[in-house]
């Protein structure tokens, strides 16, 4: 499990999700598009959901547990960016990889 550090808080995520999130966040911030990042809290951790306001003024640090970068699923990147049309990037499950065969 990797860690997303935002301001003074830490949130654990799977390295694969963090790799995709890094691309989405950097893309949105390069475009000067501030947004909420939202995700559900598992029932075992009390339920509910998190929402972080992401902008260029707050330091963001991602630590990956593994040393190898995962293969990127472009469909997932597009899905995450499209979810931001409402002002929030919603961390959803990864869609299946589409084969061009």
PDB file of N, CA and C in Angstrom:
ATOM      1  N   UNK A   1       0.848  -1.180   0.000  1.00  0.00           N
ATOM      2  CA  UNK A   1       0.000   0.000   0.000  1.00  0.00           C
ATOM      3  C   UNK A   1       0.885   1.232   0.000  1.00  0.00           C
ATOM      4  N   UNK A   2       0.575   2.140  -0.886  1.00  0.00           N
ATOM      5  CA  UNK A   2       1.275   3.407  -0.937  1.00  0.00           C
ATOM      6  C   UNK A   2       0.541   4.436  -0.089  1.00  0.00           C
ATOM      7  N   UNK A   3       1.097   5.631  -0.034  1.00  0.00           N
ATOM      8  CA  UNK A   3       0.523   6.683   0.805  1.00  0.00           C
ATOM      9  C   UNK A   3       0.410   7.982   0.013  1.00  0.00           C
ATOM     10  N   UNK A   4      -0.745   8.622   0.125  1.00  0.00           N
ATOM     11  CA  UNK A   4      -0.974   9.963  -0.392  1.00  0.00           C
ATOM     12  C   UNK A   4      -0.927  10.901   0.799  1.00  0.00           C
ATOM     13  N   UNK A   5       0.007  11.837   0.775  1.00  0.00           N
ATOM     14  CA  UNK A   5       0.090  12.847   1.836  1.00  0.00           C
ATOM     15  C   UNK A   5      -0.386  14.169   1.258  1.00  0.00           C
ATOM     16  N   UNK A   6      -1.373  14.732   1.913  1.00  0.00           N
ATOM     17  CA  UNK A   6      -1.927  16.002   1.461  1.00  0.00           C
ATOM     18  C   UNK A   6      -2.081  16.880   2.685  1.00  0.00           C
ATOM     19  N   UNK A   7      -1.385  17.989   2.677  1.00  0.00           N
ATOM     20  CA  UNK A   7      -1.330  18.880   3.835  1.00  0.00           C
ATOM     21  C   UNK A   7      -0.733  18.089   4.991  1.00  0.00           C
ATOM     22  N   UNK A   8      -1.422  17.905   6.081  1.00  0.00           N
ATOM     23  CA  UNK A   8      -0.880  17.178   7.232  1.00  0.00           C
ATOM     24  C   UNK A   8      -1.515  15.803   7.413  1.00  0.00           C
ATOM     25  N   UNK A   9      -2.169  15.279   6.386  1.00  0.00           N
ATOM     26  CA  UNK A   9      -2.858  14.000   6.519  1.00  0.00           C
ATOM     27  C   UNK A   9      -2.269  12.961   5.572  1.00  0.00           C
ATOM     28  N   UNK A  10      -2.421  11.692   5.959  1.00  0.00           N
ATOM     29  CA  UNK A  10      -1.960  10.577   5.135  1.00  0.00           C
ATOM     30  C   UNK A  10      -3.114   9.628   4.850  1.00  0.00           C
ATOM     31  N   UNK A  11      -3.170   9.144   3.599  1.00  0.00           N
ATOM     32  CA  UNK A  11      -4.217   8.226   3.179  1.00  0.00           C
ATOM     33  C   UNK A  11      -3.564   7.077   2.423  1.00  0.00           C
ATOM     34  N   UNK A  12      -3.885   5.835   2.797  1.00  0.00           N
ATOM     35  CA  UNK A  12      -3.310   4.663   2.150  1.00  0.00           C
ATOM     36  C   UNK A  12      -4.153   4.234   0.953  1.00  0.00           C
ATOM     37  N   UNK A  13      -3.462   3.955  -0.144  1.00  0.00           N
ATOM     38  CA  UNK A  13      -4.090   3.462  -1.362  1.00  0.00           C
ATOM     39  C   UNK A  13      -3.170   2.420  -1.989  1.00  0.00           C
ATOM     40  N   UNK A  14      -3.745   1.584  -2.817  1.00  0.00           N
ATOM     41  CA  UNK A  14      -2.990   0.636  -3.609  1.00  0.00           C
ATOM     42  C   UNK A  14      -2.067   1.405  -4.565  1.00  0.00           C
ATOM     43  N   UNK A  15      -0.845   0.907  -4.770  1.00  0.00           N
ATOM     44  CA  UNK A  15       0.110   1.568  -5.669  1.00  0.00           C
ATOM     45  C   UNK A  15      -0.468   1.777  -7.066  1.00  0.00           C
ATOM     46  N   UNK A  16      -1.214   0.811  -7.548  1.00  0.00           N
ATOM     47  CA  UNK A  16      -1.779   0.921  -8.901  1.00  0.00           C
ATOM     48  C   UNK A  16      -2.735   2.107  -8.992  1.00  0.00           C
ATOM     49  N   UNK A  17      -3.595   2.250  -8.007  1.00  0.00           N
ATOM     50  CA  UNK A  17      -4.514   3.387  -7.991  1.00  0.00           C
ATOM     51  C   UNK A  17      -3.723   4.692  -7.886  1.00  0.00           C
ATOM     52  N   UNK A  18      -2.701   4.721  -7.024  1.00  0.00           N
ATOM     53  CA  UNK A  18      -1.905   5.945  -6.858  1.00  0.00           C
ATOM     54  C   UNK A  18      -1.201   6.348  -8.151  1.00  0.00           C
ATOM     55  N   UNK A  19      -0.725   5.391  -8.925  1.00  0.00           N
ATOM     56  CA  UNK A  19      -0.061   5.712 -10.194  1.00  0.00           C
ATOM     57  C   UNK A  19      -1.034   6.402 -11.140  1.00  0.00           C
ATOM     58  N   UNK A  20      -2.259   5.912 -11.196  1.00  0.00           N
ATOM     59  CA  UNK A  20      -3.273   6.525 -12.045  1.00  0.00           C
ATOM     60  C   UNK A  20      -3.696   7.880 -11.487  1.00  0.00           C
ATOM     61  N   UNK A  21      -3.833   7.957 -10.188  1.00  0.00           N
ATOM     62  CA  UNK A  21      -4.212   9.219  -9.548  1.00  0.00           C
ATOM     63  C   UNK A  21      -3.154  10.293  -9.779  1.00  0.00           C
ATOM     64  N   UNK A  22      -1.890   9.923  -9.743  1.00  0.00           N
ATOM     65  CA  UNK A  22      -0.815  10.886  -9.985  1.00  0.00           C
ATOM     66  C   UNK A  22      -0.960  11.520 -11.367  1.00  0.00           C
ATOM     67  N   UNK A  23      -1.273  10.722 -12.366  1.00  0.00           N
ATOM     68  CA  UNK A  23      -1.453  11.242 -13.726  1.00  0.00           C
ATOM     69  C   UNK A  23      -2.647  12.175 -13.789  1.00  0.00           C
ATOM     70  N   UNK A  24      -3.763  11.767 -13.179  1.00  0.00           N
ATOM     71  CA  UNK A  24      -4.977  12.584 -13.208  1.00  0.00           C
ATOM     72  C   UNK A  24      -4.759  13.913 -12.487  1.00  0.00           C
ATOM     73  N   UNK A  25      -4.191  13.863 -11.292  1.00  0.00           N
ATOM     74  CA  UNK A  25      -3.973  15.086 -10.516  1.00  0.00           C
ATOM     75  C   UNK A  25      -3.019  16.029 -11.242  1.00  0.00           C
ATOM     76  N   UNK A  26      -1.913  15.495 -11.755  1.00  0.00           N
ATOM     77  CA  UNK A  26      -0.958  16.367 -12.441  1.00  0.00           C
ATOM     78  C   UNK A  26      -1.575  16.980 -13.698  1.00  0.00           C
ATOM     79  N   UNK A  27      -2.380  16.212 -14.411  1.00  0.00           N
ATOM     80  CA  UNK A  27      -3.058  16.737 -15.597  1.00  0.00           C
ATOM     81  C   UNK A  27      -3.988  17.883 -15.231  1.00  0.00           C
ATOM     82  N   UNK A  28      -4.811  17.676 -14.203  1.00  0.00           N
ATOM     83  CA  UNK A  28      -5.780  18.699 -13.808  1.00  0.00           C
ATOM     84  C   UNK A  28      -5.081  19.950 -13.277  1.00  0.00           C
ATOM     85  N   UNK A  29      -4.046  19.792 -12.483  1.00  0.00           N
ATOM     86  CA  UNK A  29      -3.366  20.958 -11.922  1.00  0.00           C
ATOM     87  C   UNK A  29      -2.576  21.722 -12.980  1.00  0.00           C
ATOM     88  N   UNK A  30      -2.022  21.028 -13.971  1.00  0.00           N
ATOM     89  CA  UNK A  30      -1.352  21.727 -15.085  1.00  0.00           C
ATOM     90  C   UNK A  30      -2.343  22.600 -15.847  1.00  0.00           C
ATOM     91  N   UNK A  31      -3.584  22.166 -15.892  1.00  0.00           N
ATOM     92  CA  UNK A  31      -4.639  22.929 -16.575  1.00  0.00           C
ATOM     93  C   UNK A  31      -5.247  23.991 -15.663  1.00  0.00           C
ATOM     94  N   UNK A  32      -4.722  24.121 -14.444  1.00  0.00           N
ATOM     95  CA  UNK A  32      -5.242  25.052 -13.436  1.00  0.00           C
ATOM     96  C   UNK A  32      -6.691  24.737 -13.087  1.00  0.00           C
ATOM     97  N   UNK A  33      -7.018  23.447 -13.023  1.00  0.00           N
ATOM     98  CA  UNK A  33      -8.358  22.977 -12.670  1.00  0.00           C
ATOM     99  C   UNK A  33      -8.332  22.405 -11.258  1.00  0.00           C
ATOM    100  N   UNK A  34      -8.692  23.209 -10.278  1.00  0.00           N
ATOM    101  CA  UNK A  34      -8.816  22.725  -8.907  1.00  0.00           C
ATOM    102  C   UNK A  34     -10.043  21.827  -8.822  1.00  0.00           C
ATOM    103  N   UNK A  35     -10.050  20.883  -7.869  1.00  0.00           N
ATOM    104  CA  UNK A  35     -11.148  19.926  -7.801  1.00  0.00           C
ATOM    105  C   UNK A  35     -11.175  19.238  -6.445  1.00  0.00           C
ATOM    106  N   UNK A  36     -12.306  18.601  -6.155  1.00  0.00           N
ATOM    107  CA  UNK A  36     -12.398  17.710  -5.007  1.00  0.00           C
ATOM    108  C   UNK A  36     -11.969  16.316  -5.454  1.00  0.00           C
ATOM    109  N   UNK A  37     -11.243  15.628  -4.595  1.00  0.00           N
ATOM    110  CA  UNK A  37     -10.921  14.219  -4.772  1.00  0.00           C
ATOM    111  C   UNK A  37     -11.751  13.474  -3.747  1.00  0.00           C
ATOM    112  N   UNK A  38     -12.607  12.562  -4.191  1.00  0.00           N
ATOM    113  CA  UNK A  38     -13.508  11.863  -3.270  1.00  0.00           C
ATOM    114  C   UNK A  38     -13.366  10.355  -3.405  1.00  0.00           C
ATOM    115  N   UNK A  39     -13.559   9.670  -2.277  1.00  0.00           N
ATOM    116  CA  UNK A  39     -13.550   8.211  -2.268  1.00  0.00           C
ATOM    117  C   UNK A  39     -14.276   7.717  -1.032  1.00  0.00           C
ATOM    118  N   UNK A  40     -14.853   6.512  -1.123  1.00  0.00           N
ATOM    119  CA  UNK A  40     -15.586   5.964   0.016  1.00  0.00           C
ATOM    120  C   UNK A  40     -14.642   5.450   1.101  1.00  0.00           C
ATOM    121  N   UNK A  41     -15.116   5.495   2.334  1.00  0.00           N
ATOM    122  CA  UNK A  41     -14.411   4.897   3.466  1.00  0.00           C
ATOM    123  C   UNK A  41     -14.990   3.494   3.637  1.00  0.00           C
ATOM    124  N   UNK A  42     -14.152   2.470   3.684  1.00  0.00           N
ATOM    125  CA  UNK A  42     -14.667   1.103   3.833  1.00  0.00           C
ATOM    126  C   UNK A  42     -15.463   0.932   5.129  1.00  0.00           C
ATOM    127  N   UNK A  43     -16.433   0.031   5.093  1.00  0.00           N
ATOM    128  CA  UNK A  43     -17.278  -0.221   6.262  1.00  0.00           C
ATOM    129  C   UNK A  43     -16.439  -0.583   7.489  1.00  0.00           C
ATOM    130  N   UNK A  44     -15.358  -1.328   7.289  1.00  0.00           N
ATOM    131  CA  UNK A  44     -14.497  -1.722   8.391  1.00  0.00           C
ATOM    132  C   UNK A  44     -13.782  -0.546   9.044  1.00  0.00           C
ATOM    133  N   UNK A  45     -13.724   0.575   8.336  1.00  0.00           N
ATOM    134  CA  UNK A  45     -13.074   1.778   8.873  1.00  0.00           C
ATOM    135  C   UNK A  45     -14.099   2.825   9.305  1.00  0.00           C
ATOM    136  N   UNK A  46     -15.374   2.434   9.358  1.00  0.00           N
ATOM    137  CA  UNK A  46     -16.388   3.344   9.845  1.00  0.00           C
ATOM    138  C   UNK A  46     -17.359   3.875   8.817  1.00  0.00           C
ATOM    139  N   UNK A  47     -17.190   3.524   7.551  1.00  0.00           N
ATOM    140  CA  UNK A  47     -18.055   3.984   6.460  1.00  0.00           C
ATOM    141  C   UNK A  47     -17.901   5.483   6.213  1.00  0.00           C
ATOM    142  N   UNK A  48     -18.745   6.025   5.350  1.00  0.00           N
ATOM    143  CA  UNK A  48     -18.675   7.438   4.982  1.00  0.00           C
ATOM    144  C   UNK A  48     -17.838   7.628   3.732  1.00  0.00           C
ATOM    145  N   UNK A  49     -17.302   8.841   3.564  1.00  0.00           N
ATOM    146  CA  UNK A  49     -16.444   9.121   2.420  1.00  0.00           C
ATOM    147  C   UNK A  49     -15.519  10.275   2.754  1.00  0.00           C
ATOM    148  N   UNK A  50     -14.417  10.352   2.035  1.00  0.00           N
ATOM    149  CA  UNK A  50     -13.468  11.450   2.147  1.00  0.00           C
ATOM    150  C   UNK A  50     -13.667  12.392   0.972  1.00  0.00           C
ATOM    151  N   UNK A  51     -13.380  13.666   1.178  1.00  0.00           N
ATOM    152  CA  UNK A  51     -13.348  14.645   0.101  1.00  0.00           C
ATOM    153  C   UNK A  51     -12.226  15.634   0.413  1.00  0.00           C
ATOM    154  N   UNK A  52     -11.251  15.718  -0.485  1.00  0.00           N
ATOM    155  CA  UNK A  52     -10.134  16.655  -0.343  1.00  0.00           C
ATOM    156  C   UNK A  52     -10.206  17.682  -1.453  1.00  0.00           C
ATOM    157  N   UNK A  53     -10.006  18.959  -1.116  1.00  0.00           N
ATOM    158  CA  UNK A  53      -9.917  19.999  -2.131  1.00  0.00           C
ATOM    159  C   UNK A  53      -8.477  20.026  -2.616  1.00  0.00           C
ATOM    160  N   UNK A  54      -8.261  19.747  -3.894  1.00  0.00           N
ATOM    161  CA  UNK A  54      -6.924  19.685  -4.468  1.00  0.00           C
ATOM    162  C   UNK A  54      -6.684  20.950  -5.281  1.00  0.00           C
ATOM    163  N   UNK A  55      -5.625  21.673  -4.920  1.00  0.00           N
ATOM    164  CA  UNK A  55      -5.209  22.829  -5.708  1.00  0.00           C
ATOM    165  C   UNK A  55      -3.696  22.959  -5.635  1.00  0.00           C
ATOM    166  N   UNK A  56      -3.146  23.863  -6.437  1.00  0.00           N
ATOM    167  CA  UNK A  56      -1.697  24.023  -6.516  1.00  0.00           C
ATOM    168  C   UNK A  56      -1.073  24.587  -5.247  1.00  0.00           C
ATOM    169  N   UNK A  57      -1.859  25.125  -4.333  1.00  0.00           N
ATOM    170  CA  UNK A  57      -1.315  25.774  -3.141  1.00  0.00           C
ATOM    171  C   UNK A  57      -1.015  24.840  -1.985  1.00  0.00           C
ATOM    172  N   UNK A  58      -1.394  23.566  -2.092  1.00  0.00           N
ATOM    173  CA  UNK A  58      -1.192  22.631  -0.983  1.00  0.00           C
ATOM    174  C   UNK A  58      -0.223  21.537  -1.437  1.00  0.00           C
ATOM    175  N   UNK A  59       0.843  21.290  -0.680  1.00  0.00           N
ATOM    176  CA  UNK A  59       1.793  20.244  -1.072  1.00  0.00           C
ATOM    177  C   UNK A  59       1.132  18.864  -1.118  1.00  0.00           C
ATOM    178  N   UNK A  60       1.482  18.112  -2.124  1.00  0.00           N
ATOM    179  CA  UNK A  60       0.973  16.760  -2.331  1.00  0.00           C
ATOM    180  C   UNK A  60       2.178  15.844  -2.489  1.00  0.00           C
ATOM    181  N   UNK A  61       2.191  14.746  -1.746  1.00  0.00           N
ATOM    182  CA  UNK A  61       3.322  13.820  -1.800  1.00  0.00           C
ATOM    183  C   UNK A  61       2.770  12.398  -1.882  1.00  0.00           C
ATOM    184  N   UNK A  62       3.225  11.662  -2.880  1.00  0.00           N
ATOM    185  CA  UNK A  62       2.805  10.276  -3.057  1.00  0.00           C
ATOM    186  C   UNK A  62       4.015   9.378  -2.838  1.00  0.00           C
ATOM    187  N   UNK A  63       3.855   8.389  -1.974  1.00  0.00           N
ATOM    188  CA  UNK A  63       4.898   7.399  -1.733  1.00  0.00           C
ATOM    189  C   UNK A  63       4.378   6.043  -2.189  1.00  0.00           C
ATOM    190  N   UNK A  64       5.115   5.407  -3.078  1.00  0.00           N
ATOM    191  CA  UNK A  64       4.739   4.086  -3.572  1.00  0.00           C
ATOM    192  C   UNK A  64       5.459   3.020  -2.753  1.00  0.00           C
ATOM    193  N   UNK A  65       4.755   1.948  -2.429  1.00  0.00           N
ATOM    194  CA  UNK A  65       5.362   0.858  -1.670  1.00  0.00           C
ATOM    195  C   UNK A  65       6.276   0.022  -2.556  1.00  0.00           C
ATOM    196  N   UNK A  66       5.892  -0.166  -3.806  1.00  0.00           N
ATOM    197  CA  UNK A  66       6.677  -0.972  -4.734  1.00  0.00           C
ATOM    198  C   UNK A  66       7.661  -0.132  -5.522  1.00  0.00           C
ATOM    199  N   UNK A  67       8.648  -0.794  -6.111  1.00  0.00           N
ATOM    200  CA  UNK A  67       9.680  -0.077  -6.863  1.00  0.00           C
ATOM    201  C   UNK A  67       9.391  -0.004  -8.362  1.00  0.00           C
ATOM    202  N   UNK A  68       8.441  -0.809  -8.852  1.00  0.00           N
ATOM    203  CA  UNK A  68       8.138  -0.810 -10.273  1.00  0.00           C
ATOM    204  C   UNK A  68       6.830  -0.077 -10.558  1.00  0.00           C
ATOM    205  N   UNK A  69       6.850   0.736 -11.602  1.00  0.00           N
ATOM    206  CA  UNK A  69       5.632   1.434 -12.019  1.00  0.00           C
ATOM    207  C   UNK A  69       4.691   0.452 -12.715  1.00  0.00           C
ATOM    208  N   UNK A  70       3.399   0.495 -12.389  1.00  0.00           N
ATOM    209  CA  UNK A  70       2.453  -0.421 -13.044  1.00  0.00           C
ATOM    210  C   UNK A  70       2.139   0.028 -14.467  1.00  0.00           C
ATOM    211  N   UNK A  71       1.622  -0.896 -15.250  1.00  0.00           N
ATOM    212  CA  UNK A  71       1.152  -0.544 -16.589  1.00  0.00           C
ATOM    213  C   UNK A  71      -0.082   0.336 -16.418  1.00  0.00           C
ATOM    214  N   UNK A  72      -0.158   1.398 -17.199  1.00  0.00           N
ATOM    215  CA  UNK A  72      -1.253   2.362 -17.069  1.00  0.00           C
ATOM    216  C   UNK A  72      -2.437   1.951 -17.943  1.00  0.00           C
ATOM    217  N   UNK A  73      -3.629   2.014 -17.364  1.00  0.00           N
ATOM    218  CA  UNK A  73      -4.884   1.730 -18.055  1.00  0.00           C
ATOM    219  C   UNK A  73      -5.473   3.075 -18.489  1.00  0.00           C
ATOM    220  N   UNK A  74      -5.363   3.382 -19.758  1.00  0.00           N
ATOM    221  CA  UNK A  74      -5.835   4.677 -20.280  1.00  0.00           C
ATOM    222  C   UNK A  74      -7.340   4.873 -20.061  1.00  0.00           C
ATOM    223  N   UNK A  75      -8.096   3.771 -20.131  1.00  0.00           N
ATOM    224  CA  UNK A  75      -9.540   3.857 -19.897  1.00  0.00           C
ATOM    225  C   UNK A  75      -9.823   4.373 -18.478  1.00  0.00           C
ATOM    226  N   UNK A  76      -9.043   3.924 -17.522  1.00  0.00           N
ATOM    227  CA  UNK A  76      -9.234   4.353 -16.133  1.00  0.00           C
ATOM    228  C   UNK A  76      -8.885   5.835 -15.987  1.00  0.00           C
ATOM    229  N   UNK A  77      -7.802   6.265 -16.619  1.00  0.00           N
ATOM    230  CA  UNK A  77      -7.414   7.682 -16.587  1.00  0.00           C
ATOM    231  C   UNK A  77      -8.560   8.528 -17.144  1.00  0.00           C
ATOM    232  N   UNK A  78      -9.057   8.137 -18.305  1.00  0.00           N
ATOM    233  CA  UNK A  78     -10.151   8.887 -18.932  1.00  0.00           C
ATOM    234  C   UNK A  78     -11.391   8.892 -18.051  1.00  0.00           C
ATOM    235  N   UNK A  79     -11.704   7.752 -17.447  1.00  0.00           N
ATOM    236  CA  UNK A  79     -12.869   7.659 -16.571  1.00  0.00           C
ATOM    237  C   UNK A  79     -12.731   8.597 -15.369  1.00  0.00           C
ATOM    238  N   UNK A  80     -11.553   8.626 -14.767  1.00  0.00           N
ATOM    239  CA  UNK A  80     -11.329   9.498 -13.608  1.00  0.00           C
ATOM    240  C   UNK A  80     -11.414  10.968 -14.001  1.00  0.00           C
ATOM    241  N   UNK A  81     -10.813  11.326 -15.122  1.00  0.00           N
ATOM    242  CA  UNK A  81     -10.868  12.725 -15.566  1.00  0.00           C
ATOM    243  C   UNK A  81     -12.295  13.118 -15.926  1.00  0.00           C
ATOM    244  N   UNK A  82     -13.034  12.227 -16.603  1.00  0.00           N
ATOM    245  CA  UNK A  82     -14.420  12.532 -16.957  1.00  0.00           C
ATOM    246  C   UNK A  82     -15.302  12.670 -15.722  1.00  0.00           C
ATOM    247  N   UNK A  83     -14.976  11.943 -14.651  1.00  0.00           N
ATOM    248  CA  UNK A  83     -15.781  12.053 -13.432  1.00  0.00           C
ATOM    249  C   UNK A  83     -15.676  13.442 -12.821  1.00  0.00           C
ATOM    250  N   UNK A  84     -14.656  14.203 -13.216  1.00  0.00           N
ATOM    251  CA  UNK A  84     -14.455  15.531 -12.644  1.00  0.00           C
ATOM    252  C   UNK A  84     -15.353  16.595 -13.269  1.00  0.00           C
ATOM    253  N   UNK A  85     -16.187  16.211 -14.213  1.00  0.00           N
ATOM    254  CA  UNK A  85     -17.095  17.177 -14.850  1.00  0.00           C
ATOM    255  C   UNK A  85     -18.013  17.831 -13.832  1.00  0.00           C
ATOM    256  N   UNK A  86     -18.265  17.160 -12.719  1.00  0.00           N
ATOM    257  CA  UNK A  86     -19.124  17.704 -11.661  1.00  0.00           C
ATOM    258  C   UNK A  86     -18.317  18.461 -10.605  1.00  0.00           C
ATOM    259  N   UNK A  87     -16.996  18.568 -10.812  1.00  0.00           N
ATOM    260  CA  UNK A  87     -16.151  19.263  -9.853  1.00  0.00           C
ATOM    261  C   UNK A  87     -15.407  18.336  -8.912  1.00  0.00           C
ATOM    262  N   UNK A  88     -15.648  17.033  -9.025  1.00  0.00           N
ATOM    263  CA  UNK A  88     -14.984  16.060  -8.164  1.00  0.00           C
ATOM    264  C   UNK A  88     -14.424  14.911  -8.992  1.00  0.00           C
ATOM    265  N   UNK A  89     -13.201  14.497  -8.654  1.00  0.00           N
ATOM    266  CA  UNK A  89     -12.660  13.258  -9.210  1.00  0.00           C
ATOM    267  C   UNK A  89     -13.055  12.173  -8.226  1.00  0.00           C
ATOM    268  N   UNK A  90     -13.867  11.223  -8.693  1.00  0.00           N
ATOM    269  CA  UNK A  90     -14.341  10.127  -7.855  1.00  0.00           C
ATOM    270  C   UNK A  90     -13.469   8.910  -8.088  1.00  0.00           C
ATOM    271  N   UNK A  91     -12.825   8.414  -7.046  1.00  0.00           N
ATOM    272  CA  UNK A  91     -11.984   7.231  -7.171  1.00  0.00           C
ATOM    273  C   UNK A  91     -12.871   6.000  -7.283  1.00  0.00           C
ATOM    274  N   UNK A  92     -13.032   5.528  -8.503  1.00  0.00           N
ATOM    275  CA  UNK A  92     -13.851   4.358  -8.800  1.00  0.00           C
ATOM    276  C   UNK A  92     -12.953   3.169  -9.075  1.00  0.00           C
ATOM    277  N   UNK A  93     -13.562   1.990  -9.123  1.00  0.00           N
ATOM    278  CA  UNK A  93     -12.828   0.782  -9.459  1.00  0.00           C
ATOM    279  C   UNK A  93     -12.306   0.873 -10.882  1.00  0.00           C
ATOM    280  N   UNK A  94     -11.213   0.188 -11.124  1.00  0.00           N
ATOM    281  CA  UNK A  94     -10.603   0.176 -12.450  1.00  0.00           C
ATOM    282  C   UNK A  94     -11.488  -0.578 -13.438  1.00  0.00           C
ATOM    283  N   UNK A  95     -11.777   0.053 -14.592  1.00  0.00           N
ATOM    284  CA  UNK A  95     -12.532  -0.683 -15.624  1.00  0.00           C
ATOM    285  C   UNK A  95     -11.632  -1.722 -16.277  1.00  0.00           C
ATOM    286  N   UNK A  96     -12.217  -2.731 -16.891  1.00  0.00           N
ATOM    287  CA  UNK A  96     -11.402  -3.751 -17.562  1.00  0.00           C
ATOM    288  C   UNK A  96     -10.588  -3.124 -18.692  1.00  0.00           C
ATOM    289  N   UNK A  97      -9.396  -3.663 -18.917  1.00  0.00           N
ATOM    290  CA  UNK A  97      -8.551  -3.193 -20.006  1.00  0.00           C
ATOM    291  C   UNK A  97      -9.152  -3.671 -21.308  1.00  0.00           C
ATOM    292  N   UNK A  98      -9.325  -2.747 -22.244  1.00  0.00           N
ATOM    293  CA  UNK A  98      -9.896  -3.082 -23.552  1.00  0.00           C
ATOM    294  C   UNK A  98      -8.763  -3.488 -24.485  1.00  0.00           C
ATOM    295  N   UNK A  99      -8.897  -4.664 -25.081  1.00  0.00           N
ATOM    296  CA  UNK A  99      -7.890  -5.171 -26.007  1.00  0.00           C
ATOM    297  C   UNK A  99      -8.222  -4.706 -27.420  1.00  0.00           C
ATOM    298  N   UNK A 100      -7.195  -4.347 -28.178  1.00  0.00           N
ATOM    299  CA  UNK A 100      -7.397  -3.913 -29.562  1.00  0.00           C
ATOM    300  C   UNK A 100      -7.289  -5.075 -30.539  1.00  0.00           C
ATOM    301  N   UNK A 101      -7.326  -6.296 -30.045  1.00  0.00           N
ATOM    302  CA  UNK A 101      -7.206  -7.483 -30.914  1.00  0.00           C
ATOM    303  C   UNK A 101      -8.449  -7.722 -31.699  1.00  0.00           C
TER     304      UNK A 101
END
